[in-house]
C-alpha atoms as a PDB file:
ATOM      1  CA  MET A   1     129.760 115.121  92.622  1.00  0.00           C
ATOM      2  CA  GLU A   2     133.003 114.368  94.622  1.00  0.00           C
ATOM      3  CA  MET A   3     133.056 114.324  98.291  1.00  0.00           C
ATOM      4  CA  ASN A   4     135.097 113.842 101.434  1.00  0.00           C
ATOM      5  CA  TYR A   5     133.968 110.819 103.950  1.00  0.00           C
ATOM      6  CA  SER A   6     136.522 108.864 106.580  1.00  0.00           C
ATOM      7  CA  SER A   7     140.050 109.028 105.319  1.00  0.00           C
ATOM      8  CA  CYS A   8     138.955 109.153 101.270  1.00  0.00           C
ATOM      9  CA  THR A   9     137.928 110.708  99.062  1.00  0.00           C
ATOM     10  CA  VAL A  10     134.360 110.428  97.017  1.00  0.00           C
ATOM     11  CA  GLY A  11     133.621 110.538  93.402  1.00  0.00           C
ATOM     12  CA  VAL A  12     130.262 109.339  91.608  1.00  0.00           C
ATOM     13  CA  THR A  13     128.880 110.340  88.889  1.00  0.00           C
ATOM     14  CA  ALA A  14     126.879 108.521  86.856  1.00  0.00           C
ATOM     15  CA  GLY A  15     125.258 108.008  83.069  1.00  0.00           C
ATOM     16  CA  VAL A  16     123.798 105.572  80.584  1.00  0.00           C
ATOM     17  CA  ALA A  17     125.044 102.250  79.190  1.00  0.00           C
ATOM     18  CA  ASP A  18     122.865 100.789  76.908  1.00  0.00           C
ATOM     19  CA  GLY A  19     120.025 102.307  77.420  1.00  0.00           C
ATOM     20  CA  HIS A  20     120.147 102.374  81.075  1.00  0.00           C
ATOM     21  CA  VAL A  21     121.235 105.273  84.145  1.00  0.00           C
ATOM     22  CA  ILE A  22     124.543 103.268  85.748  1.00  0.00           C
ATOM     23  CA  ALA A  23     126.439 104.915  88.458  1.00  0.00           C
ATOM     24  CA  ASN A  24     129.916 104.593  88.622  1.00  0.00           C
ATOM     25  CA  VAL A  25     132.089 105.355  91.916  1.00  0.00           C
ATOM     26  CA  ARG A  26     135.857 105.945  92.888  1.00  0.00           C
ATOM     27  CA  ILE A  27     137.359 106.119  95.839  1.00  0.00           C
ATOM     28  CA  TYR A  28     140.495 107.386  96.779  1.00  0.00           C
ATOM     29  CA  ARG A  29     142.198 106.641 100.314  1.00  0.00           C
ATOM     30  CA  PRO A  30     145.644 107.570 101.238  1.00  0.00           C
ATOM     31  CA  ALA A  31     148.059 104.589 101.265  1.00  0.00           C
ATOM     32  CA  THR A  32     149.295 102.987 104.638  1.00  0.00           C
ATOM     33  CA  THR A  33     152.633 102.888 103.049  1.00  0.00           C
ATOM     34  CA  ASP A  34     154.069 106.183 101.701  1.00  0.00           C
ATOM     35  CA  ALA A  35     152.139 109.095 100.456  1.00  0.00           C
ATOM     36  CA  SER A  36     150.607 107.638  97.409  1.00  0.00           C
ATOM     37  CA  MET A  37     146.997 106.836  97.142  1.00  0.00           C
ATOM     38  CA  GLU A  38     145.433 103.606  96.663  1.00  0.00           C
ATOM     39  CA  THR A  39     142.166 104.489  93.940  1.00  0.00           C
ATOM     40  CA  TYR A  40     139.484 101.696  93.900  1.00  0.00           C
ATOM     41  CA  GLU A  41     136.415 101.457  91.169  1.00  0.00           C
ATOM     42  CA  PHE A  42     132.657 100.680  91.056  1.00  0.00           C
ATOM     43  CA  GLU A  43     129.784 100.200  88.712  1.00  0.00           C
ATOM     44  CA  VAL A  44     127.090  99.961  91.266  1.00  0.00           C
ATOM     45  CA  PRO A  45     124.697  97.590  90.007  1.00  0.00           C
ATOM     46  CA  GLY A  46     121.185  99.260  90.053  1.00  0.00           C
ATOM     47  CA  HIS A  47     117.769 100.117  87.993  1.00  0.00           C
ATOM     48  CA  PHE A  48     117.629 103.641  88.475  1.00  0.00           C
ATOM     49  CA  VAL A  49     115.220 106.018  87.549  1.00  0.00           C
ATOM     50  CA  ASP A  50     117.593 109.032  86.793  1.00  0.00           C
ATOM     51  CA  GLY A  51     121.504 110.597  87.154  1.00  0.00           C
ATOM     52  CA  LYS A  52     119.697 112.131  90.687  1.00  0.00           C
ATOM     53  CA  GLU A  53     118.840 108.890  91.717  1.00  0.00           C
ATOM     54  CA  ALA A  54     122.006 107.010  91.554  1.00  0.00           C
ATOM     55  CA  ILE A  55     123.843 109.498  92.496  1.00  0.00           C
ATOM     56  CA  VAL A  56     121.904 109.119  95.594  1.00  0.00           C
ATOM     57  CA  PHE A  57     122.663 105.747  95.416  1.00  0.00           C
ATOM     58  CA  ALA A  58     125.623 105.140  94.786  1.00  0.00           C
ATOM     59  CA  THR A  59     126.652 108.156  97.616  1.00  0.00           C
ATOM     60  CA  GLU A  60     125.124 105.833 100.092  1.00  0.00           C
ATOM     61  CA  TRP A  61     126.563 102.732  98.727  1.00  0.00           C
ATOM     62  CA  ALA A  62     130.659 104.116  98.820  1.00  0.00           C
ATOM     63  CA  LYS A  63     129.937 105.001 102.433  1.00  0.00           C
ATOM     64  CA  GLU A  64     129.009 101.967 104.023  1.00  0.00           C
ATOM     65  CA  TRP A  65     131.978 100.312 100.933  1.00  0.00           C
ATOM     66  CA  ILE A  66     134.321 102.690 103.413  1.00  0.00           C
ATOM     67  CA  ASP A  67     133.381 102.245 106.547  1.00  0.00           C
ATOM     68  CA  GLU A  68     133.937  97.916 105.798  1.00  0.00           C
ATOM     69  CA  HIS A  69     136.559  98.290 104.071  1.00  0.00           C
ATOM     70  CA  CYS A  70     138.709 101.450 105.133  1.00  0.00           C
ATOM     71  CA  LEU A  71     139.789 101.524 108.571  1.00  0.00           C
END
């Protein structure tokens, strides 16, 4: 899933690793010095029942990270 939040673009995916459902977040934000983008990638910790739960949780996690780190 991809969405825009604040000045960032957020990509959230879910998958299975070592038998556990995981969530991955990629956040793109405009760099302050030129026209390029800064990219941040995270594996969001959690014990998810399925991919849908992982995506919902990771989306909210990404919004909180953006609120804290991006102005």
